[in-house]
Amino acid sequence: MNRKQRKKTLDALAEESQIMDMFDKLPNHCLVCMAPYDKKDLRMVTTWNVVVRSKEEKVNLYCPTCWSTAMKVIKDFKEQNSGQNKS
């Protein structure tokens, strides 16, 4: 393995380690509605949304209901905004 390959491997490992450290900051409830989150419940793990803000070292957790509501608000805002720009 040459120097470039080792550097690339070490960088990937460092990034993976940083991501794994963020799992400790995963909250146990939805950020918006405070619904409880069980890290051992496979259904919750696969349906809830996690947003990681690396620069702030913050992890936000959203239940499916709050996430879909937020996505709808964003979609509606974009549609209204694009309609105003065309006028």
PDB file of N, CA and C in Angstrom:
ATOM      1  N   MET A   1       0.849  -1.178   0.000  1.00  0.00           N
ATOM      2  CA  MET A   1       0.000   0.000   0.000  1.00  0.00           C
ATOM      3  C   MET A   1       0.894   1.240   0.000  1.00  0.00           C
ATOM      4  N   ASN A   2       0.632   2.127  -0.930  1.00  0.00           N
ATOM      5  CA  ASN A   2       1.456   3.329  -1.001  1.00  0.00           C
ATOM      6  C   ASN A   2       0.937   4.414  -0.046  1.00  0.00           C
ATOM      7  N   ARG A   3       1.656   5.501   0.014  1.00  0.00           N
ATOM      8  CA  ARG A   3       1.351   6.574   0.971  1.00  0.00           C
ATOM      9  C   ARG A   3      -0.038   7.184   0.728  1.00  0.00           C
ATOM     10  N   LYS A   4      -0.397   7.393  -0.548  1.00  0.00           N
ATOM     11  CA  LYS A   4      -1.700   7.966  -0.871  1.00  0.00           C
ATOM     12  C   LYS A   4      -2.839   7.061  -0.399  1.00  0.00           C
ATOM     13  N   GLN A   5      -2.676   5.777  -0.622  1.00  0.00           N
ATOM     14  CA  GLN A   5      -3.706   4.818  -0.221  1.00  0.00           C
ATOM     15  C   GLN A   5      -3.845   4.776   1.300  1.00  0.00           C
ATOM     16  N   ARG A   6      -2.727   4.799   2.018  1.00  0.00           N
ATOM     17  CA  ARG A   6      -2.769   4.789   3.490  1.00  0.00           C
ATOM     18  C   ARG A   6      -3.455   6.037   4.007  1.00  0.00           C
ATOM     19  N   LYS A   7      -3.126   7.183   3.416  1.00  0.00           N
ATOM     20  CA  LYS A   7      -3.726   8.456   3.837  1.00  0.00           C
ATOM     21  C   LYS A   7      -5.236   8.419   3.614  1.00  0.00           C
ATOM     22  N   LYS A   8      -5.661   7.914   2.469  1.00  0.00           N
ATOM     23  CA  LYS A   8      -7.081   7.828   2.145  1.00  0.00           C
ATOM     24  C   LYS A   8      -7.793   6.895   3.132  1.00  0.00           C
ATOM     25  N   THR A   9      -7.174   5.782   3.463  1.00  0.00           N
ATOM     26  CA  THR A   9      -7.739   4.825   4.411  1.00  0.00           C
ATOM     27  C   THR A   9      -7.831   5.443   5.801  1.00  0.00           C
ATOM     28  N   LEU A  10      -6.790   6.132   6.223  1.00  0.00           N
ATOM     29  CA  LEU A  10      -6.795   6.771   7.541  1.00  0.00           C
ATOM     30  C   LEU A  10      -7.846   7.878   7.621  1.00  0.00           C
ATOM     31  N   ASP A  11      -7.998   8.636   6.540  1.00  0.00           N
ATOM     32  CA  ASP A  11      -9.022   9.684   6.507  1.00  0.00           C
ATOM     33  C   ASP A  11     -10.420   9.086   6.607  1.00  0.00           C
ATOM     34  N   ALA A  12     -10.654   7.992   5.896  1.00  0.00           N
ATOM     35  CA  ALA A  12     -11.960   7.327   5.939  1.00  0.00           C
ATOM     36  C   ALA A  12     -12.245   6.798   7.342  1.00  0.00           C
ATOM     37  N   LEU A  13     -11.247   6.220   7.986  1.00  0.00           N
ATOM     38  CA  LEU A  13     -11.420   5.717   9.347  1.00  0.00           C
ATOM     39  C   LEU A  13     -11.700   6.841  10.336  1.00  0.00           C
ATOM     40  N   ALA A  14     -11.041   7.959  10.172  1.00  0.00           N
ATOM     41  CA  ALA A  14     -11.260   9.109  11.052  1.00  0.00           C
ATOM     42  C   ALA A  14     -12.676   9.650  10.892  1.00  0.00           C
ATOM     43  N   GLU A  15     -13.140   9.719   9.651  1.00  0.00           N
ATOM     44  CA  GLU A  15     -14.501  10.205   9.396  1.00  0.00           C
ATOM     45  C   GLU A  15     -15.529   9.241   9.984  1.00  0.00           C
ATOM     46  N   GLU A  16     -15.308   7.957   9.820  1.00  0.00           N
ATOM     47  CA  GLU A  16     -16.204   6.952  10.385  1.00  0.00           C
ATOM     48  C   GLU A  16     -16.234   7.046  11.906  1.00  0.00           C
ATOM     49  N   SER A  17     -15.096   7.239  12.498  1.00  0.00           N
ATOM     50  CA  SER A  17     -15.004   7.372  13.952  1.00  0.00           C
ATOM     51  C   SER A  17     -15.770   8.593  14.429  1.00  0.00           C
ATOM     52  N   GLN A  18     -15.662   9.696  13.698  1.00  0.00           N
ATOM     53  CA  GLN A  18     -16.366  10.927  14.057  1.00  0.00           C
ATOM     54  C   GLN A  18     -17.877  10.711  13.987  1.00  0.00           C
ATOM     55  N   ILE A  19     -18.344  10.000  12.968  1.00  0.00           N
ATOM     56  CA  ILE A  19     -19.770   9.712  12.827  1.00  0.00           C
ATOM     57  C   ILE A  19     -20.249   8.820  13.971  1.00  0.00           C
ATOM     58  N   MET A  20     -19.466   7.825  14.313  1.00  0.00           N
ATOM     59  CA  MET A  20     -19.841   6.921  15.399  1.00  0.00           C
ATOM     60  C   MET A  20     -19.907   7.664  16.729  1.00  0.00           C
ATOM     61  N   ASP A  21     -19.047   8.630  16.935  1.00  0.00           N
ATOM     62  CA  ASP A  21     -19.081   9.424  18.161  1.00  0.00           C
ATOM     63  C   ASP A  21     -20.375  10.231  18.257  1.00  0.00           C
ATOM     64  N   MET A  22     -20.948  10.613  17.135  1.00  0.00           N
ATOM     65  CA  MET A  22     -22.181  11.389  17.129  1.00  0.00           C
ATOM     66  C   MET A  22     -23.382  10.559  17.587  1.00  0.00           C
ATOM     67  N   PHE A  23     -23.317   9.221  17.462  1.00  0.00           N
ATOM     68  CA  PHE A  23     -24.420   8.368  17.895  1.00  0.00           C
ATOM     69  C   PHE A  23     -24.675   8.504  19.393  1.00  0.00           C
ATOM     70  N   ASP A  24     -23.652   8.853  20.140  1.00  0.00           N
ATOM     71  CA  ASP A  24     -23.830   9.069  21.574  1.00  0.00           C
ATOM     72  C   ASP A  24     -24.726  10.271  21.844  1.00  0.00           C
ATOM     73  N   LYS A  25     -24.826  11.168  20.879  1.00  0.00           N
ATOM     74  CA  LYS A  25     -25.614  12.386  21.049  1.00  0.00           C
ATOM     75  C   LYS A  25     -27.045  12.230  20.545  1.00  0.00           C
ATOM     76  N   LEU A  26     -27.399  11.022  20.088  1.00  0.00           N
ATOM     77  CA  LEU A  26     -28.746  10.771  19.588  1.00  0.00           C
ATOM     78  C   LEU A  26     -29.746  10.894  20.735  1.00  0.00           C
ATOM     79  N   PRO A  27     -30.718  11.810  20.617  1.00  0.00           N
ATOM     80  CA  PRO A  27     -31.682  11.990  21.709  1.00  0.00           C
ATOM     81  C   PRO A  27     -32.640  10.805  21.825  1.00  0.00           C
ATOM     82  N   ASN A  28     -33.406  10.767  22.897  1.00  0.00           N
ATOM     83  CA  ASN A  28     -34.350   9.665  23.099  1.00  0.00           C
ATOM     84  C   ASN A  28     -35.793  10.125  22.901  1.00  0.00           C
ATOM     85  N   HIS A  29     -35.970  11.236  22.156  1.00  0.00           N
ATOM     86  CA  HIS A  29     -37.305  11.736  21.836  1.00  0.00           C
ATOM     87  C   HIS A  29     -37.243  12.624  20.591  1.00  0.00           C
ATOM     88  N   CYS A  30     -38.411  12.815  19.987  1.00  0.00           N
ATOM     89  CA  CYS A  30     -38.531  13.687  18.811  1.00  0.00           C
ATOM     90  C   CYS A  30     -38.249  15.125  19.226  1.00  0.00           C
ATOM     91  N   LEU A  31     -37.509  15.828  18.425  1.00  0.00           N
ATOM     92  CA  LEU A  31     -37.149  17.217  18.716  1.00  0.00           C
ATOM     93  C   LEU A  31     -38.379  18.125  18.764  1.00  0.00           C
ATOM     94  N   VAL A  32     -39.390  17.826  17.960  1.00  0.00           N
ATOM     95  CA  VAL A  32     -40.557  18.699  17.849  1.00  0.00           C
ATOM     96  C   VAL A  32     -41.648  18.339  18.850  1.00  0.00           C
ATOM     97  N   CYS A  33     -42.123  17.090  18.818  1.00  0.00           N
ATOM     98  CA  CYS A  33     -43.280  16.711  19.635  1.00  0.00           C
ATOM     99  C   CYS A  33     -42.916  15.957  20.911  1.00  0.00           C
ATOM    100  N   MET A  34     -41.635  15.693  21.089  1.00  0.00           N
ATOM    101  CA  MET A  34     -41.138  15.004  22.285  1.00  0.00           C
ATOM    102  C   MET A  34     -41.626  13.554  22.409  1.00  0.00           C
ATOM    103  N   ALA A  35     -42.079  12.954  21.306  1.00  0.00           N
ATOM    104  CA  ALA A  35     -42.490  11.551  21.333  1.00  0.00           C
ATOM    105  C   ALA A  35     -41.272  10.700  21.692  1.00  0.00           C
ATOM    106  N   PRO A  36     -41.441   9.707  22.560  1.00  0.00           N
ATOM    107  CA  PRO A  36     -40.295   8.887  22.973  1.00  0.00           C
ATOM    108  C   PRO A  36     -39.755   8.045  21.825  1.00  0.00           C
ATOM    109  N   TYR A  37     -38.452   7.847  21.835  1.00  0.00           N
ATOM    110  CA  TYR A  37     -37.753   7.058  20.808  1.00  0.00           C
ATOM    111  C   TYR A  37     -37.020   5.916  21.483  1.00  0.00           C
ATOM    112  N   ASP A  38     -37.261   4.706  20.995  1.00  0.00           N
ATOM    113  CA  ASP A  38     -36.605   3.513  21.533  1.00  0.00           C
ATOM    114  C   ASP A  38     -35.566   3.036  20.524  1.00  0.00           C
ATOM    115  N   LYS A  39     -34.308   3.150  20.875  1.00  0.00           N
ATOM    116  CA  LYS A  39     -33.209   2.785  19.967  1.00  0.00           C
ATOM    117  C   LYS A  39     -33.180   1.292  19.645  1.00  0.00           C
ATOM    118  N   LYS A  40     -33.897   0.487  20.438  1.00  0.00           N
ATOM    119  CA  LYS A  40     -33.912  -0.964  20.229  1.00  0.00           C
ATOM    120  C   LYS A  40     -35.105  -1.420  19.400  1.00  0.00           C
ATOM    121  N   ASP A  41     -36.012  -0.511  19.075  1.00  0.00           N
ATOM    122  CA  ASP A  41     -37.193  -0.829  18.282  1.00  0.00           C
ATOM    123  C   ASP A  41     -36.841  -0.680  16.801  1.00  0.00           C
ATOM    124  N   LEU A  42     -36.807  -1.794  16.088  1.00  0.00           N
ATOM    125  CA  LEU A  42     -36.402  -1.789  14.676  1.00  0.00           C
ATOM    126  C   LEU A  42     -37.309  -0.903  13.830  1.00  0.00           C
ATOM    127  N   ARG A  43     -38.607  -0.895  14.115  1.00  0.00           N
ATOM    128  CA  ARG A  43     -39.527  -0.065  13.348  1.00  0.00           C
ATOM    129  C   ARG A  43     -39.173   1.414  13.513  1.00  0.00           C
ATOM    130  N   MET A  44     -38.873   1.820  14.733  1.00  0.00           N
ATOM    131  CA  MET A  44     -38.502   3.222  14.976  1.00  0.00           C
ATOM    132  C   MET A  44     -37.174   3.559  14.308  1.00  0.00           C
ATOM    133  N   VAL A  45     -36.245   2.654  14.407  1.00  0.00           N
ATOM    134  CA  VAL A  45     -34.922   2.892  13.817  1.00  0.00           C
ATOM    135  C   VAL A  45     -35.026   3.096  12.312  1.00  0.00           C
ATOM    136  N   THR A  46     -35.943   2.382  11.677  1.00  0.00           N
ATOM    137  CA  THR A  46     -36.049   2.474  10.219  1.00  0.00           C
ATOM    138  C   THR A  46     -36.998   3.562   9.731  1.00  0.00           C
ATOM    139  N   THR A  47     -37.849   4.103  10.615  1.00  0.00           N
ATOM    140  CA  THR A  47     -38.825   5.090  10.153  1.00  0.00           C
ATOM    141  C   THR A  47     -38.545   6.508  10.640  1.00  0.00           C
ATOM    142  N   TRP A  48     -37.843   6.659  11.730  1.00  0.00           N
ATOM    143  CA  TRP A  48     -37.541   7.999  12.240  1.00  0.00           C
ATOM    144  C   TRP A  48     -36.391   8.598  11.444  1.00  0.00           C
ATOM    145  N   ASN A  49     -36.293   9.933  11.435  1.00  0.00           N
ATOM    146  CA  ASN A  49     -35.268  10.635  10.663  1.00  0.00           C
ATOM    147  C   ASN A  49     -34.260  11.312  11.574  1.00  0.00           C
ATOM    148  N   VAL A  50     -33.003  11.129  11.228  1.00  0.00           N
ATOM    149  CA  VAL A  50     -31.904  11.713  11.997  1.00  0.00           C
ATOM    150  C   VAL A  50     -31.203  12.740  11.115  1.00  0.00           C
ATOM    151  N   VAL A  51     -30.997  13.928  11.661  1.00  0.00           N
ATOM    152  CA  VAL A  51     -30.269  14.984  10.945  1.00  0.00           C
ATOM    153  C   VAL A  51     -29.034  15.313  11.774  1.00  0.00           C
ATOM    154  N   VAL A  52     -27.872  15.110  11.181  1.00  0.00           N
ATOM    155  CA  VAL A  52     -26.607  15.354  11.876  1.00  0.00           C
ATOM    156  C   VAL A  52     -26.022  16.667  11.378  1.00  0.00           C
ATOM    157  N   ARG A  53     -25.713  17.537  12.302  1.00  0.00           N
ATOM    158  CA  ARG A  53     -25.058  18.805  11.992  1.00  0.00           C
ATOM    159  C   ARG A  53     -23.648  18.717  12.556  1.00  0.00           C
ATOM    160  N   SER A  54     -22.726  18.307  11.706  1.00  0.00           N
ATOM    161  CA  SER A  54     -21.356  18.043  12.134  1.00  0.00           C
ATOM    162  C   SER A  54     -20.667  19.275  12.696  1.00  0.00           C
ATOM    163  N   LYS A  55     -20.845  20.404  12.036  1.00  0.00           N
ATOM    164  CA  LYS A  55     -20.153  21.616  12.487  1.00  0.00           C
ATOM    165  C   LYS A  55     -20.578  22.005  13.896  1.00  0.00           C
ATOM    166  N   GLU A  56     -21.882  21.862  14.186  1.00  0.00           N
ATOM    167  CA  GLU A  56     -22.383  22.201  15.517  1.00  0.00           C
ATOM    168  C   GLU A  56     -22.284  21.020  16.482  1.00  0.00           C
ATOM    169  N   GLU A  57     -21.892  19.857  15.948  1.00  0.00           N
ATOM    170  CA  GLU A  57     -21.844  18.612  16.718  1.00  0.00           C
ATOM    171  C   GLU A  57     -23.190  18.359  17.395  1.00  0.00           C
ATOM    172  N   LYS A  58     -24.238  18.414  16.562  1.00  0.00           N
ATOM    173  CA  LYS A  58     -25.595  18.265  17.058  1.00  0.00           C
ATOM    174  C   LYS A  58     -26.320  17.206  16.242  1.00  0.00           C
ATOM    175  N   VAL A  59     -27.127  16.401  16.926  1.00  0.00           N
ATOM    176  CA  VAL A  59     -27.926  15.378  16.271  1.00  0.00           C
ATOM    177  C   VAL A  59     -29.389  15.658  16.580  1.00  0.00           C
ATOM    178  N   ASN A  60     -30.204  15.816  15.536  1.00  0.00           N
ATOM    179  CA  ASN A  60     -31.630  16.055  15.704  1.00  0.00           C
ATOM    180  C   ASN A  60     -32.403  14.823  15.267  1.00  0.00           C
ATOM    181  N   LEU A  61     -33.436  14.484  16.018  1.00  0.00           N
ATOM    182  CA  LEU A  61     -34.237  13.296  15.753  1.00  0.00           C
ATOM    183  C   LEU A  61     -35.687  13.717  15.545  1.00  0.00           C
ATOM    184  N   TYR A  62     -36.323  13.190  14.489  1.00  0.00           N
ATOM    185  CA  TYR A  62     -37.693  13.558  14.157  1.00  0.00           C
ATOM    186  C   TYR A  62     -38.533  12.307  13.932  1.00  0.00           C
ATOM    187  N   CYS A  63     -39.738  12.285  14.532  1.00  0.00           N
ATOM    188  CA  CYS A  63     -40.662  11.169  14.309  1.00  0.00           C
ATOM    189  C   CYS A  63     -41.236  11.291  12.898  1.00  0.00           C
ATOM    190  N   PRO A  64     -41.810  10.218  12.362  1.00  0.00           N
ATOM    191  CA  PRO A  64     -42.345  10.266  10.997  1.00  0.00           C
ATOM    192  C   PRO A  64     -43.415  11.347  10.797  1.00  0.00           C
ATOM    193  N   THR A  65     -44.263  11.563  11.797  1.00  0.00           N
ATOM    194  CA  THR A  65     -45.322  12.566  11.675  1.00  0.00           C
ATOM    195  C   THR A  65     -44.737  13.972  11.551  1.00  0.00           C
ATOM    196  N   CYS A  66     -43.833  14.307  12.449  1.00  0.00           N
ATOM    197  CA  CYS A  66     -43.216  15.640  12.406  1.00  0.00           C
ATOM    198  C   CYS A  66     -42.390  15.828  11.140  1.00  0.00           C
ATOM    199  N   TRP A  67     -41.702  14.771  10.713  1.00  0.00           N
ATOM    200  CA  TRP A  67     -40.888  14.855   9.508  1.00  0.00           C
ATOM    201  C   TRP A  67     -41.756  15.115   8.277  1.00  0.00           C
ATOM    202  N   SER A  68     -42.863  14.374   8.146  1.00  0.00           N
ATOM    203  CA  SER A  68     -43.718  14.556   6.970  1.00  0.00           C
ATOM    204  C   SER A  68     -44.376  15.939   6.991  1.00  0.00           C
ATOM    205  N   THR A  69     -44.732  16.426   8.169  1.00  0.00           N
ATOM    206  CA  THR A  69     -45.296  17.772   8.286  1.00  0.00           C
ATOM    207  C   THR A  69     -44.270  18.809   7.838  1.00  0.00           C
ATOM    208  N   ALA A  70     -43.038  18.673   8.285  1.00  0.00           N
ATOM    209  CA  ALA A  70     -41.980  19.612   7.909  1.00  0.00           C
ATOM    210  C   ALA A  70     -41.720  19.565   6.401  1.00  0.00           C
ATOM    211  N   MET A  71     -41.699  18.368   5.819  1.00  0.00           N
ATOM    212  CA  MET A  71     -41.466  18.245   4.382  1.00  0.00           C
ATOM    213  C   MET A  71     -42.611  18.886   3.590  1.00  0.00           C
ATOM    214  N   LYS A  72     -43.854  18.751   4.081  1.00  0.00           N
ATOM    215  CA  LYS A  72     -45.004  19.361   3.419  1.00  0.00           C
ATOM    216  C   LYS A  72     -44.898  20.890   3.480  1.00  0.00           C
ATOM    217  N   VAL A  73     -44.522  21.419   4.629  1.00  0.00           N
ATOM    218  CA  VAL A  73     -44.368  22.872   4.775  1.00  0.00           C
ATOM    219  C   VAL A  73     -43.298  23.386   3.815  1.00  0.00           C
ATOM    220  N   ILE A  74     -42.183  22.686   3.734  1.00  0.00           N
ATOM    221  CA  ILE A  74     -41.098  23.094   2.832  1.00  0.00           C
ATOM    222  C   ILE A  74     -41.559  23.042   1.380  1.00  0.00           C
ATOM    223  N   LYS A  75     -42.260  21.969   1.020  1.00  0.00           N
ATOM    224  CA  LYS A  75     -42.753  21.831  -0.352  1.00  0.00           C
ATOM    225  C   LYS A  75     -43.721  22.967  -0.685  1.00  0.00           C
ATOM    226  N   ASP A  76     -44.671  23.248   0.216  1.00  0.00           N
ATOM    227  CA  ASP A  76     -45.632  24.330  -0.007  1.00  0.00           C
ATOM    228  C   ASP A  76     -44.917  25.673  -0.131  1.00  0.00           C
ATOM    229  N   PHE A  77     -43.935  25.912   0.703  1.00  0.00           N
ATOM    230  CA  PHE A  77     -43.176  27.165   0.648  1.00  0.00           C
ATOM    231  C   PHE A  77     -42.464  27.310  -0.690  1.00  0.00           C
ATOM    232  N   LYS A  78     -41.835  26.233  -1.146  1.00  0.00           N
ATOM    233  CA  LYS A  78     -41.125  26.285  -2.429  1.00  0.00           C
ATOM    234  C   LYS A  78     -42.092  26.557  -3.576  1.00  0.00           C
ATOM    235  N   GLU A  79     -43.273  25.911  -3.515  1.00  0.00           N
ATOM    236  CA  GLU A  79     -44.264  26.127  -4.572  1.00  0.00           C
ATOM    237  C   GLU A  79     -44.757  27.568  -4.571  1.00  0.00           C
ATOM    238  N   GLN A  80     -45.027  28.117  -3.400  1.00  0.00           N
ATOM    239  CA  GLN A  80     -45.479  29.512  -3.312  1.00  0.00           C
ATOM    240  C   GLN A  80     -44.383  30.466  -3.770  1.00  0.00           C
ATOM    241  N   ASN A  81     -43.156  30.172  -3.362  1.00  0.00           N
ATOM    242  CA  ASN A  81     -42.031  31.031  -3.710  1.00  0.00           C
ATOM    243  C   ASN A  81     -41.762  30.998  -5.211  1.00  0.00           C
ATOM    244  N   SER A  82     -41.859  29.815  -5.829  1.00  0.00           N
ATOM    245  CA  SER A  82     -41.610  29.729  -7.268  1.00  0.00           C
ATOM    246  C   SER A  82     -42.730  30.406  -8.047  1.00  0.00           C
ATOM    247  N   GLY A  83     -43.958  30.383  -7.517  1.00  0.00           N
ATOM    248  CA  GLY A  83     -45.068  31.078  -8.152  1.00  0.00           C
ATOM    249  C   GLY A  83     -44.907  32.579  -8.118  1.00  0.00           C
ATOM    250  N   GLN A  84     -44.333  33.109  -7.039  1.00  0.00           N
ATOM    251  CA  GLN A  84     -44.107  34.544  -6.906  1.00  0.00           C
ATOM    252  C   GLN A  84     -42.991  35.006  -7.819  1.00  0.00           C
ATOM    253  N   ASN A  85     -41.986  34.153  -8.024  1.00  0.00           N
ATOM    254  CA  ASN A  85     -40.858  34.529  -8.876  1.00  0.00           C
ATOM    255  C   ASN A  85     -41.255  34.595 -10.351  1.00  0.00           C
ATOM    256  N   LYS A  86     -42.279  33.817 -10.758  1.00  0.00           N
ATOM    257  CA  LYS A  86     -42.687  33.799 -12.160  1.00  0.00           C
ATOM    258  C   LYS A  86     -43.540  35.007 -12.513  1.00  0.00           C
ATOM    259  N   SER A  87     -44.148  35.644 -11.526  1.00  0.00           N
ATOM    260  CA  SER A  87     -45.042  36.785 -11.794  1.00  0.00           C
ATOM    261  C   SER A  87     -44.297  38.022 -12.188  1.00  0.00           C
TER     262      SER A  87
END
